[in-house]
Amino acid sequence: MHKTQGRGTHYVGDVGAIKAQGHPAGTGVVIGSYRDYLDKAEEMGADALNVPKSRYDFFNNAGEFETLNRAYLNANAFLNQDFYMSNAPEGVAQSTGYWIELQHLKDLGISPKYAPGVFCKWPQ
């Protein structure tokens, strides 16, 4: 795990990936349920895909948001980033973007780690 120092967020490029200002490359990418993964990425000083609503609507209406998301994951996999889950994956519905991200990373041979403070929920 890479040490990071979160210093706020800003947009990088037109896609809207957030990064902690001044953090070194290779500090990881957070995936998960909406809002949770953005909050965890900011807390960790890691990257996360954060597309402004207008761009999300554009790609989603064109049926291409999944393509954008996969391209983001592929680019970060190519850069050998670590991937972290902001939520436990148990019970994630197959229709969600989080499930699609988990499956795509699995297809790439990547097993994301739990982000700090995220734990597996064991059956009672």
Protein backbone atom coordinates (compact mmCIF):
# COMPACT_ATOMS: atom_id res chain seq x y z
CA MET A 1 0.00 0.00 0.00
CA HIS A 2 1.29 3.42 -0.88
CA LYS A 3 1.35 6.24 1.65
CA THR A 4 -0.55 9.32 0.52
CA GLN A 5 -1.25 12.76 1.83
CA GLY A 6 -4.67 14.00 0.74
CA ARG A 7 -4.68 17.72 0.03
CA GLY A 8 -8.12 18.28 -1.44
CA THR A 9 -9.34 17.43 -4.91
CA HIS A 10 -9.39 18.94 -8.34
CA TYR A 11 -10.44 17.81 -11.79
CA VAL A 12 -7.82 16.30 -14.04
CA GLY A 13 -8.54 16.49 -17.75
CA ASP A 14 -11.99 16.57 -19.25
CA VAL A 15 -13.17 13.22 -17.93
CA GLY A 16 -13.28 14.32 -14.31
CA ALA A 17 -10.94 11.98 -12.47
CA ILE A 18 -10.22 13.38 -9.06
CA LYS A 19 -6.76 13.38 -7.56
CA ALA A 20 -5.40 14.72 -4.34
CA GLN A 21 -3.30 17.72 -5.25
CA GLY A 22 0.39 16.92 -5.37
CA HIS A 23 0.09 13.20 -4.63
CA PRO A 24 2.59 10.94 -6.35
CA ALA A 25 1.62 8.63 -9.19
CA GLY A 26 0.71 5.13 -8.14
CA THR A 27 -1.32 5.93 -5.03
CA GLY A 28 -4.26 3.86 -6.16
CA VAL A 29 -7.77 4.02 -7.57
CA VAL A 30 -10.94 3.63 -5.54
CA ILE A 31 -14.05 1.92 -6.92
CA GLY A 32 -17.36 1.25 -5.18
CA SER A 33 -20.87 2.49 -4.65
CA TYR A 34 -21.56 6.06 -5.74
CA ARG A 35 -20.52 8.75 -3.28
CA ASP A 36 -18.78 6.21 -1.02
CA TYR A 37 -15.93 5.70 -3.49
CA LEU A 38 -15.52 9.46 -4.01
CA ASP A 39 -15.38 10.10 -0.27
CA LYS A 40 -12.91 7.24 0.31
CA ALA A 41 -10.68 8.39 -2.56
CA GLU A 42 -10.50 11.89 -1.15
CA GLU A 43 -9.81 10.51 2.33
CA MET A 44 -7.00 8.30 0.99
CA GLY A 45 -5.58 10.83 -1.44
CA ALA A 46 -6.27 8.34 -4.24
CA ASP A 47 -7.86 8.60 -7.68
CA ALA A 48 -11.51 7.99 -8.56
CA LEU A 49 -13.64 8.44 -11.65
CA ASN A 50 -15.81 11.49 -11.01
CA VAL A 51 -17.58 12.53 -14.18
CA PRO A 52 -19.57 15.78 -14.01
CA LYS A 53 -23.33 15.23 -14.43
CA SER A 54 -23.43 16.79 -17.91
CA ARG A 55 -20.74 14.40 -19.19
CA TYR A 56 -22.27 11.46 -17.36
CA ASP A 57 -25.63 12.21 -19.00
CA PHE A 58 -23.97 12.53 -22.42
CA PHE A 59 -22.17 9.17 -22.18
CA ASN A 60 -25.05 7.43 -20.43
CA ASN A 61 -27.63 8.62 -22.99
CA ALA A 62 -25.35 7.37 -25.76
CA GLY A 63 -25.10 4.01 -23.98
CA GLU A 64 -21.35 4.49 -23.59
CA PHE A 65 -20.74 5.22 -19.92
CA GLU A 66 -19.57 1.64 -19.34
CA THR A 67 -17.07 2.12 -22.18
CA LEU A 68 -15.75 5.28 -20.51
CA ASN A 69 -15.53 3.51 -17.16
CA ARG A 70 -13.67 0.52 -18.63
CA ALA A 71 -11.24 2.85 -20.41
CA TYR A 72 -10.54 4.56 -17.09
CA LEU A 73 -9.95 1.19 -15.39
CA ASN A 74 -7.78 -0.03 -18.28
CA ALA A 75 -5.62 3.09 -18.23
CA ASN A 76 -5.02 2.76 -14.50
CA ALA A 77 -4.36 -0.97 -14.79
CA PHE A 78 -1.78 -0.18 -17.49
CA LEU A 79 -0.17 2.29 -15.07
CA ASN A 80 0.00 -0.55 -12.53
CA GLN A 81 -2.17 1.29 -10.02
CA ASP A 82 -3.53 -0.50 -6.97
CA PHE A 83 -7.34 -0.74 -6.87
CA TYR A 84 -9.30 -0.36 -3.64
CA MET A 85 -12.95 -1.06 -2.82
CA SER A 86 -14.85 1.57 -0.86
CA ASN A 87 -17.59 -0.95 -0.03
CA ALA A 88 -17.62 -4.65 0.73
CA PRO A 89 -18.56 -6.46 -2.50
CA GLU A 90 -20.94 -8.93 -0.87
CA GLY A 91 -24.49 -8.55 -2.13
CA VAL A 92 -23.66 -6.08 -4.90
CA ALA A 93 -26.40 -6.25 -7.54
CA GLN A 94 -25.24 -7.38 -10.98
CA SER A 95 -26.93 -4.39 -12.60
CA THR A 96 -24.71 -1.84 -10.82
CA GLY A 97 -21.65 -0.09 -12.12
CA TYR A 98 -19.71 -1.38 -9.10
CA TRP A 99 -20.41 -5.02 -10.06
CA ILE A 100 -19.39 -4.29 -13.66
CA GLU A 101 -16.14 -2.71 -12.40
CA LEU A 102 -15.41 -5.72 -10.19
CA GLN A 103 -16.03 -8.11 -13.09
CA HIS A 104 -13.86 -6.07 -15.46
CA LEU A 105 -10.97 -6.00 -13.00
CA LYS A 106 -11.39 -9.76 -12.50
CA ASP A 107 -11.17 -10.21 -16.28
CA LEU A 108 -7.91 -8.22 -16.20
CA GLY A 109 -6.57 -10.50 -13.45
CA ILE A 110 -6.75 -7.75 -10.81
CA SER A 111 -8.07 -8.35 -7.30
CA PRO A 112 -8.91 -5.03 -5.66
CA LYS A 113 -8.04 -4.57 -2.01
CA TYR A 114 -10.29 -3.25 0.72
CA ALA A 115 -9.73 0.46 1.30
CA PRO A 116 -8.67 1.37 4.85
CA GLY A 117 -11.64 1.04 7.20
CA VAL A 118 -13.64 -1.23 4.84
CA PHE A 119 -14.23 -4.78 6.00
CA CYS A 120 -15.91 -7.89 4.67
CA LYS A 121 -19.30 -8.57 6.23
CA TRP A 122 -19.30 -12.16 7.42
CA PRO A 123 -22.61 -14.04 7.60
CA GLN A 124 -24.08 -14.25 11.11
